[in-house]
Protein backbone atom coordinates (compact mmCIF):
# COMPACT_ATOMS: atom_id res chain seq x y z
CA MET A 1 29.19 -82.56 37.41
CA LEU A 2 32.17 -80.40 38.32
CA TYR A 3 33.63 -80.98 34.86
CA ALA A 4 30.29 -79.99 33.30
CA LEU A 5 30.09 -76.79 35.35
CA CYS A 6 33.68 -75.89 34.38
CA GLY A 7 32.75 -76.40 30.73
CA THR A 8 29.75 -74.11 31.16
CA LEU A 9 31.86 -71.37 32.72
CA LEU A 10 34.44 -71.53 29.93
CA ALA A 11 31.89 -71.66 27.12
CA SER A 12 29.85 -68.80 28.59
CA LEU A 13 32.89 -66.54 28.49
CA LEU A 14 33.97 -67.70 25.02
CA ALA A 15 30.41 -67.27 23.71
CA CYS A 16 30.89 -63.51 24.04
CA VAL A 17 33.69 -63.63 21.47
CA PRO A 18 31.90 -62.74 18.21
CA ALA A 19 31.24 -65.69 15.88
CA LEU A 20 33.42 -68.10 17.90
CA HIS A 21 31.36 -71.28 17.76
CA VAL A 22 31.46 -73.88 20.51
CA TYR A 23 32.06 -76.63 17.96
CA SER A 24 35.21 -74.87 16.74
CA VAL A 25 36.56 -74.61 20.30
CA ALA A 26 35.62 -78.22 21.08
CA GLY A 27 37.33 -79.44 17.91
CA LEU A 28 40.54 -77.63 18.83
CA MET A 29 40.43 -78.99 22.38
CA LEU A 30 39.87 -82.59 21.25
CA SER A 31 42.65 -82.30 18.67
CA PHE A 32 45.04 -80.93 21.29
CA LEU A 33 44.06 -83.70 23.70
CA ALA A 34 44.73 -86.36 21.07
CA ARG A 35 48.13 -84.91 20.14
CA SER A 36 49.28 -84.37 23.71
CA GLY A 37 49.01 -88.05 24.56
CA ARG A 38 47.38 -87.29 27.91
CA THR A 39 44.92 -89.83 29.28
CA VAL A 40 41.61 -88.36 30.42
CA LEU A 41 38.56 -90.44 31.27
CA PRO A 42 36.17 -90.24 28.29
CA GLN A 43 33.21 -89.60 30.62
CA ARG A 44 34.92 -86.51 32.02
CA VAL A 45 35.55 -85.21 28.52
CA ALA A 46 31.93 -85.87 27.57
CA MET A 47 30.59 -84.08 30.65
CA PHE A 48 32.90 -81.11 30.05
CA MET A 49 31.66 -80.86 26.45
CA LEU A 50 28.04 -81.14 27.64
CA GLY A 51 28.63 -78.18 29.94
CA MET A 52 30.19 -76.23 27.07
CA VAL A 53 27.17 -76.84 24.84
CA VAL A 54 24.75 -75.71 27.56
CA GLY A 55 26.79 -72.58 28.33
CA TYR A 56 27.15 -71.62 24.67
CA SER A 57 23.52 -72.26 23.75
CA VAL A 58 22.34 -69.94 26.53
CA VAL A 59 24.94 -67.14 26.45
CA ASN A 60 25.50 -66.79 22.68
CA THR A 61 22.44 -64.54 22.71
CA VAL A 62 24.69 -61.70 23.96
CA PRO A 63 26.84 -61.20 20.81
CA SER A 64 23.80 -61.83 18.60
CA LEU A 65 21.89 -58.99 20.26
CA PHE A 66 24.61 -56.47 21.05
CA LEU A 67 27.14 -57.12 18.25
CA ALA A 68 24.91 -58.66 15.53
CA THR A 69 27.19 -61.67 14.98
CA PRO A 70 24.74 -64.57 14.89
CA ASP A 71 25.37 -68.20 14.10
CA GLU A 72 23.02 -70.39 12.06
CA SER A 73 20.65 -70.84 15.01
CA THR A 74 20.52 -67.25 16.30
CA ALA A 75 20.29 -65.38 13.00
CA TRP A 76 16.53 -65.08 13.48
CA ILE A 77 16.96 -63.20 16.77
CA VAL A 78 18.98 -60.46 15.08
CA LEU A 79 16.21 -58.42 13.44
CA PRO A 80 13.90 -58.11 16.48
CA GLY A 81 17.00 -57.93 18.67
CA GLN A 82 18.33 -54.94 16.73
CA LYS A 83 14.96 -53.26 17.15
CA TYR A 84 15.16 -53.82 20.90
CA LEU A 85 18.74 -52.50 20.88
CA MET A 86 17.77 -49.24 19.21
CA GLN A 87 14.86 -48.90 21.65
CA ARG A 88 17.28 -49.18 24.62
CA ARG A 89 15.82 -52.61 25.48
CA ALA A 90 18.55 -55.09 24.48
CA HIS A 91 18.89 -56.37 28.04
CA GLU A 92 15.16 -57.08 28.04
CA ALA A 93 15.55 -59.14 24.87
CA ALA A 94 18.45 -61.03 26.46
CA ALA A 95 16.32 -61.75 29.52
CA LEU A 96 13.47 -63.02 27.32
CA ALA A 97 15.84 -65.34 25.46
CA CYS A 98 17.23 -66.48 28.82
CA ILE A 99 13.75 -67.41 30.03
CA GLY A 100 13.19 -69.28 26.77
CA SER A 101 16.46 -71.21 27.18
CA THR A 102 15.63 -72.12 30.77
CA GLY A 103 12.17 -73.26 29.72
CA GLY A 104 13.71 -75.40 27.00
CA VAL A 105 16.06 -77.15 29.42
CA LEU A 106 13.18 -77.68 31.86
CA ALA A 107 11.20 -79.30 29.05
CA LEU A 108 14.14 -81.61 28.27
CA VAL A 109 14.30 -82.63 31.94
CA LEU A 110 10.57 -83.41 31.97
CA LEU A 111 10.83 -85.39 28.73
CA ALA A 112 13.97 -87.28 29.81
CA PRO A 113 12.16 -90.29 31.38
CA PHE A 114 10.23 -90.93 28.16
CA ALA A 115 12.88 -90.06 25.56
CA GLY A 116 14.08 -93.59 24.81
CA THR A 117 10.58 -95.07 24.80
CA ILE A 118 9.25 -92.48 22.38
CA LEU A 119 12.24 -92.00 20.09
CA SER A 120 13.11 -95.62 19.39
CA PRO A 121 9.87 -96.58 17.56
CA THR A 122 9.53 -93.09 16.06
CA LEU A 123 12.96 -93.28 14.45
CA GLN A 124 12.23 -96.74 13.06
CA VAL A 125 9.22 -95.29 11.27
CA ILE A 126 10.76 -92.09 9.88
CA GLN A 127 14.33 -93.28 9.16
CA PRO A 128 13.54 -94.64 5.65
CA HIS A 129 11.77 -91.36 4.79
CA VAL A 130 14.27 -88.80 6.12
CA HIS A 131 15.48 -87.80 2.65
CA TRP A 132 12.08 -86.74 1.27
CA LEU A 133 11.01 -85.23 4.61
CA LEU A 134 14.14 -83.08 4.52
CA GLY A 135 13.33 -82.19 0.92
CA ALA A 136 9.82 -81.15 1.96
CA ILE A 137 11.28 -78.89 4.68
CA VAL A 138 13.56 -77.26 2.09
CA VAL A 139 10.61 -76.65 -0.25
CA TYR A 140 8.57 -75.17 2.61
CA ILE A 141 11.39 -72.78 3.53
CA LEU A 142 11.55 -71.52 -0.05
CA ILE A 143 7.82 -71.17 -0.75
CA SER A 144 6.96 -69.63 2.62
CA GLU A 145 8.81 -66.38 1.87
CA TRP A 146 6.23 -63.87 0.65
CA PRO A 147 6.71 -60.65 -1.36
CA LYS A 148 7.71 -57.73 0.88
CA GLY A 149 7.19 -54.82 -1.49
CA THR A 150 5.37 -51.59 -0.63
CA GLY A 151 3.69 -51.18 -4.03
CA ARG A 152 4.98 -47.61 -4.39
CA GLY A 153 6.68 -47.98 -7.75
CA GLN A 154 5.79 -45.52 -10.54
CA THR A 155 5.32 -48.23 -13.18
CA VAL A 156 4.03 -51.80 -13.21
CA PRO A 157 7.52 -53.32 -13.75
CA ALA A 158 8.86 -51.20 -10.89
CA ARG A 159 6.10 -52.40 -8.56
CA LEU A 160 6.65 -56.00 -9.63
CA TRP A 161 10.37 -55.72 -8.94
CA ASP A 162 9.70 -54.05 -5.59
CA GLY A 163 7.44 -56.92 -4.58
CA TRP A 164 9.44 -59.85 -5.90
CA LYS A 165 13.05 -58.78 -5.41
CA SER A 166 13.21 -60.30 -1.92
CA ILE A 167 11.97 -63.66 -3.20
CA ILE A 168 14.40 -63.62 -6.13
CA ALA A 169 17.24 -62.70 -3.75
CA GLY A 170 16.17 -65.50 -1.38
CA LEU A 171 16.23 -68.11 -4.15
CA ALA A 172 19.58 -66.81 -5.40
CA THR A 173 20.97 -66.96 -1.86
CA PHE A 174 19.81 -70.54 -1.37
CA CYS A 175 21.17 -71.72 -4.74
CA LEU A 176 24.54 -69.96 -4.37
CA SER A 177 25.03 -71.09 -0.77
CA GLY A 178 24.08 -74.62 -1.84
CA LEU A 179 26.69 -74.47 -4.61
CA LEU A 180 29.25 -73.29 -2.06
CA GLY A 181 28.29 -76.21 0.19
CA ILE A 182 28.82 -78.72 -2.65
CA ILE A 183 32.24 -77.23 -3.42
CA LEU A 184 33.25 -77.36 0.24
CA ALA A 185 32.09 -80.98 0.49
CA TYR A 186 34.32 -82.10 -2.37
CA ARG A 187 37.08 -79.47 -2.78
CA SER A 188 37.48 -77.56 0.45
CA LEU A 189 40.37 -75.06 0.62
CA VAL A 190 40.78 -75.58 4.37
CA PRO A 191 43.95 -77.53 5.25
CA VAL A 192 43.37 -81.22 6.01
CA GLY A 193 44.74 -80.81 9.52
CA MET A 194 42.00 -78.28 10.29
CA SER A 195 39.16 -80.08 8.51
CA VAL A 196 37.10 -79.96 11.71
CA GLN A 197 36.87 -76.18 11.09
CA GLY A 198 35.88 -76.67 7.45
CA LEU A 199 32.53 -74.87 7.66
CA MET A 200 33.59 -72.13 10.07
CA PRO A 201 34.72 -69.63 7.36
CA ALA A 202 31.49 -70.19 5.42
CA PHE A 203 29.24 -69.59 8.44
CA ILE A 204 31.16 -66.48 9.46
CA GLY A 205 30.86 -65.08 5.94
CA LEU A 206 27.22 -66.01 5.51
CA PHE A 207 25.84 -64.92 8.88
CA ALA A 208 28.22 -62.62 10.76
CA ILE A 209 30.21 -60.37 8.43
CA PRO A 210 27.34 -59.01 6.25
CA TRP A 211 25.54 -57.52 9.24
CA ILE A 212 28.80 -56.11 10.65
CA LEU A 213 29.51 -54.42 7.31
CA LEU A 214 26.03 -52.92 7.37
CA ASN A 215 26.67 -51.55 10.87
CA ILE A 216 29.95 -49.98 9.75
CA LEU A 217 28.48 -48.36 6.63
CA SER A 218 25.32 -47.11 8.33
CA ARG A 219 27.26 -45.45 11.20
CA ALA A 220 24.48 -46.45 13.59
CA GLN A 221 24.51 -44.77 16.99
CA VAL A 222 23.39 -47.08 19.77
CA PRO A 223 21.50 -45.26 22.54
CA GLU A 224 22.29 -45.82 26.20
CA GLN A 225 20.67 -49.07 27.24
CA HIS A 226 18.09 -49.49 29.99
CA VAL A 227 18.57 -52.40 32.39
CA CYS A 228 15.05 -53.65 33.13
CA THR A 229 14.03 -55.15 36.45
CA SER A 230 10.81 -56.80 35.20
CA LEU A 231 9.38 -58.26 32.02
CA ASP A 232 5.96 -57.85 30.42
CA VAL A 233 5.31 -61.58 29.89
CA THR A 234 2.04 -63.27 30.71
CA PRO A 235 1.87 -66.99 31.64
CA TRP A 236 0.01 -67.75 28.41
CA LEU A 237 2.65 -65.95 26.34
CA LEU A 238 5.37 -67.89 28.15
CA ILE A 239 3.65 -71.23 27.52
CA ARG A 240 3.14 -70.46 23.81
CA GLY A 241 6.70 -69.24 23.30
CA VAL A 242 8.42 -72.07 25.13
CA GLY A 243 6.04 -74.66 23.66
CA ALA A 244 6.71 -73.57 20.08
CA GLY A 245 10.45 -73.42 20.76
CA VAL A 246 10.46 -76.94 22.22
CA ILE A 247 8.68 -78.31 19.14
CA GLY A 248 11.12 -76.55 16.80
CA GLY A 249 14.18 -77.51 18.84
CA LEU A 250 13.20 -81.18 19.05
CA LEU A 251 12.56 -81.24 15.30
CA ALA A 252 16.04 -79.82 14.72
CA ALA A 253 17.66 -82.15 17.28
CA VAL A 254 16.20 -85.33 15.78
CA PHE A 255 16.41 -84.51 12.06
CA PRO A 256 19.89 -84.29 10.51
CA VAL A 257 21.11 -80.85 9.32
CA ILE A 258 17.97 -79.02 10.51
CA THR A 259 19.13 -76.29 12.91
CA GLY A 260 17.31 -74.54 15.73
CA GLY A 261 16.52 -71.57 13.51
CA ILE A 262 14.81 -73.72 10.87
CA GLY A 263 12.94 -75.69 13.51
CA GLY A 264 11.87 -72.47 15.20
CA LEU A 265 10.59 -71.07 11.89
CA ILE A 266 8.41 -74.11 11.21
CA ALA A 267 7.10 -74.24 14.78
CA GLY A 268 6.45 -70.48 14.73
CA HIS A 269 4.35 -70.77 11.58
CA ALA A 270 2.49 -73.76 13.02
CA THR A 271 1.58 -71.79 16.17
CA ALA A 272 0.87 -68.48 14.36
CA GLN A 273 3.45 -66.34 16.18
CA ARG A 274 3.13 -62.58 15.77
CA ASP A 275 4.28 -60.99 19.03
CA GLU A 276 7.99 -60.03 19.13
CA ARG A 277 8.25 -61.18 22.75
CA LEU A 278 6.81 -64.52 21.72
CA PHE A 279 9.29 -64.70 18.87
CA ILE A 280 12.37 -64.06 21.02
CA LEU A 281 11.13 -66.47 23.69
CA SER A 282 10.59 -69.28 21.20
CA GLN A 283 13.90 -68.73 19.43
CA GLY A 284 15.76 -68.78 22.76
CA THR A 285 14.04 -72.06 23.56
CA SER A 286 14.54 -73.58 20.12
CA LYS A 287 18.28 -72.99 19.88
CA THR A 288 18.93 -74.37 23.37
CA VAL A 289 16.77 -77.47 22.84
CA TYR A 290 18.52 -77.98 19.50
CA TYR A 291 22.08 -77.73 20.81
CA VAL A 292 21.58 -79.49 24.15
CA GLY A 293 18.94 -81.98 23.03
CA SER A 294 20.98 -83.23 20.07
CA LEU A 295 23.93 -83.97 22.38
CA LEU A 296 21.70 -85.48 25.09
CA LEU A 297 20.52 -88.05 22.55
CA LEU A 298 24.02 -89.52 22.63
CA PHE A 299 23.62 -90.36 26.33
CA ILE A 300 20.36 -92.34 25.95
CA PRO A 301 21.26 -96.02 26.51
CA GLU A 302 20.79 -98.39 23.55
CA LEU A 303 19.46 -95.65 21.28
CA GLY A 304 22.76 -94.94 19.51
CA LEU A 305 21.53 -91.71 17.93
CA VAL A 306 24.28 -89.28 16.93
CA ARG A 307 23.00 -85.81 16.04
CA GLY A 308 24.75 -82.43 16.02
CA GLY A 309 28.39 -81.48 15.65
CA MET A 310 29.37 -82.11 19.26
CA ALA A 311 27.90 -85.63 19.29
CA TRP A 312 29.76 -86.46 16.08
CA MET A 313 33.04 -85.33 17.62
CA LEU A 314 32.43 -87.21 20.88
CA SER A 315 31.01 -90.48 19.51
CA PRO A 316 34.40 -92.02 18.56
CA LEU A 317 35.69 -91.22 22.05
CA TYR A 318 32.74 -91.89 24.33
CA VAL A 319 29.78 -94.27 24.17
CA PRO A 320 27.51 -94.40 27.26
CA HIS A 321 26.32 -97.83 28.38
CA THR A 322 24.32 -97.37 31.58
CA PRO A 323 21.20 -95.43 32.60
CA GLU A 324 23.25 -93.83 35.40
CA GLU A 325 25.35 -91.98 32.83
CA TYR A 326 22.22 -90.67 31.15
CA TRP A 327 20.68 -89.38 34.39
CA LEU A 328 23.99 -87.82 35.40
CA ALA A 329 23.97 -85.94 32.07
CA VAL A 330 20.36 -84.80 32.63
CA ALA A 331 21.11 -83.53 36.15
CA SER A 332 24.30 -81.81 35.00
CA MET A 333 22.41 -80.18 32.13
CA ALA A 334 19.96 -78.61 34.59
CA LEU A 335 22.73 -77.32 36.89
CA CYS A 336 24.72 -75.96 33.95
CA CYS A 337 21.64 -74.13 32.65
CA ALA A 338 21.17 -72.44 36.03
CA LEU A 339 24.80 -71.28 36.02
CA ALA A 340 24.65 -70.14 32.38
CA SER A 341 21.45 -68.16 32.98
CA ILE A 342 23.06 -66.25 35.84
CA LEU A 343 26.12 -65.57 33.70
CA LEU A 344 23.97 -64.45 30.76
CA LEU A 345 22.20 -61.78 32.78
CA GLY A 346 25.51 -60.51 34.19
CA LEU A 347 27.25 -60.48 30.82
CA SER A 348 24.25 -58.74 29.26
CA ARG A 349 24.52 -55.96 31.85
CA LEU A 350 28.22 -55.63 31.01
CA ALA A 351 27.40 -55.49 27.28
CA THR A 352 24.94 -52.63 27.87
CA ILE A 353 27.80 -50.61 29.35
CA VAL A 354 30.18 -51.45 26.50
CA VAL A 355 27.84 -50.52 23.63
CA SER A 356 26.77 -47.34 25.40
CA ARG A 357 30.31 -46.05 26.02
CA ILE A 358 32.15 -47.23 22.92
CA SER A 359 31.16 -46.24 19.39
CA TYR A 360 29.17 -49.03 17.73
CA ARG A 361 31.17 -48.43 14.55
CA TRP A 362 34.44 -49.05 16.39
CA ILE A 363 32.96 -52.14 18.02
CA SER A 364 31.93 -53.40 14.57
CA LEU A 365 35.38 -52.66 13.11
CA GLY A 366 37.03 -54.47 16.02
CA THR A 367 34.66 -57.42 15.59
CA LEU A 368 35.38 -57.60 11.86
CA SER A 369 39.14 -57.55 12.49
CA LEU A 370 38.78 -60.30 15.09
CA LEU A 371 36.80 -62.50 12.70
CA VAL A 372 39.36 -62.08 9.92
CA VAL A 373 42.27 -62.87 12.26
CA LEU A 374 40.44 -65.83 13.80
CA THR A 375 39.53 -67.30 10.41
CA GLY A 376 43.01 -66.79 8.99
CA SER A 377 44.79 -68.28 12.00
CA LEU A 378 42.59 -71.39 12.11
CA THR A 379 41.98 -72.10 8.42
CA GLY A 380 44.71 -70.22 6.53
CA TRP A 381 44.37 -68.39 3.23
CA GLY A 382 41.95 -70.99 1.93
CA GLY A 383 39.57 -70.23 4.79
CA LEU A 384 39.81 -66.50 4.11
CA LEU A 385 38.87 -67.06 0.45
CA ILE A 386 35.88 -69.17 1.52
CA MET A 387 34.85 -66.46 3.98
CA LEU A 388 35.09 -63.80 1.26
CA ALA A 389 32.93 -65.81 -1.14
CA ALA A 390 30.41 -66.57 1.59
CA THR A 391 30.24 -62.90 2.54
CA GLY A 392 29.21 -62.00 -1.00
CA ILE A 393 26.38 -64.53 -0.78
CA GLY A 394 25.40 -63.42 2.71
CA LEU A 395 25.00 -59.81 1.56
CA PHE A 396 21.98 -60.73 -0.60
CA PRO A 397 19.55 -61.12 2.35
CA VAL A 398 20.88 -57.94 3.98
CA MET A 399 20.54 -55.83 0.83
CA PHE A 400 17.21 -57.20 -0.42
CA HIS A 401 15.54 -57.99 2.94
CA SER A 402 15.09 -61.69 2.31
CA ARG A 403 15.44 -64.42 4.89
CA ARG A 404 18.94 -65.08 6.14
CA MET A 405 17.88 -68.68 6.66
CA ASN A 406 18.28 -69.20 2.91
CA CYS A 407 22.02 -69.22 3.61
CA MET A 408 21.50 -72.64 5.21
CA GLY A 409 21.58 -74.03 1.68
CA VAL A 410 25.29 -74.47 2.39
CA LEU A 411 24.32 -77.47 4.56
CA LEU A 412 20.90 -78.47 3.24
CA VAL A 413 21.78 -78.87 -0.44
CA PRO A 414 24.87 -81.13 -0.15
CA THR A 415 23.22 -83.22 2.59
CA LEU A 416 20.04 -83.69 0.58
CA LEU A 417 22.04 -84.65 -2.52
CA SER A 418 24.04 -87.13 -0.47
CA MET A 419 20.90 -88.72 1.03
CA THR A 420 19.31 -89.15 -2.40
CA GLY A 421 22.51 -90.55 -3.93
CA LEU A 422 22.83 -87.68 -6.41
CA GLY A 423 25.85 -86.03 -4.75
CA PRO A 424 28.61 -87.75 -6.76
CA MET A 425 26.77 -87.19 -10.05
CA VAL A 426 26.29 -83.44 -9.36
CA ALA A 427 29.89 -83.13 -8.24
CA GLN A 428 31.00 -84.76 -11.50
CA TRP A 429 28.87 -82.32 -13.50
CA LEU A 430 30.58 -79.47 -11.71
CA GLY A 431 34.03 -80.94 -12.33
CA LEU A 432 34.76 -81.45 -8.63
CA VAL A 433 35.65 -85.16 -8.93
């Protein structure tokens, strides 16, 4: 448990570094451990990584709200979060997401005794159908984006373009990001020695840099933030938000490639979410259940389910065999969530001071410089080229107000092609093999 708490403390601090993903840090740490030749008990490594995942999944709300540098699971928090930021209520949004994350971990603790009993037969039923179920989710994501026009054009073609440009941009974003994902799967420019960071430049370009560029160009002035001492959340609102987030997070944790953001979208539509507080609550829950739940599946005895980037990195090193290891992971998860929640509220207060005293444009320029240096140092010139291409694709949703989730085509398209057996044929058509 001490190793898990140390991992939470480290990840909570690193989560405040814009666009620094916990999987990137974990990959570097595991690579260093393998090269150093040091012998560390695999269970200690696994518990440390579990703590890191809990800390990151809770605290990464801070850069998403205050610096607008989301990852694939927090991109949905950005738009309502930016509204809260400009209304001097960013700390309130962080507190709402914190409550959602805590509720998600509590739900995982309550479901822990039944996880193996429920998942084992469920997976036997759905495993042969995962490919078309994933395809159905992709189709739903694309067709559920409605026209966003105002109908104020002077001519019929102008009104049509005003209404349909967001949908066209969304489809273009999905197709182009999917093409980028296929290229990265077969001809990545990232050096072989840093292949564990292969998708990092793409995610930074797709999700983080476009919004930072918008902040720099708009010269937005962030007002002084108010640190709230209470929240306007009713018990029914809390139950709805956490419940929807748990459904979305579990869907993302069990299904391959589906992230917390996608799961949260589907669950939000299923529960008819409209309230912004409800939205932030459910997204905070969904991303935490996704990150933590996918790794917790690795600890369930005799299930052998590997989901999520951290589980894939740990599975060659550590395989749990006893129920005691599973319950130790569950207890550690709860303790780490308590620590991360306290750290989140403190770091959010610190962020309110930073954005109020330092120009948001300078913060955005500093963040952009940090992302470029971080990408170049870890992935070289090839990674910078990938990041540049991904940034061009990621600008489509920002400019035409379509869903940023369409950028997840970078993962969904190559995975779906691989599951259906069409990947090699498409790669040959594109001249990649």
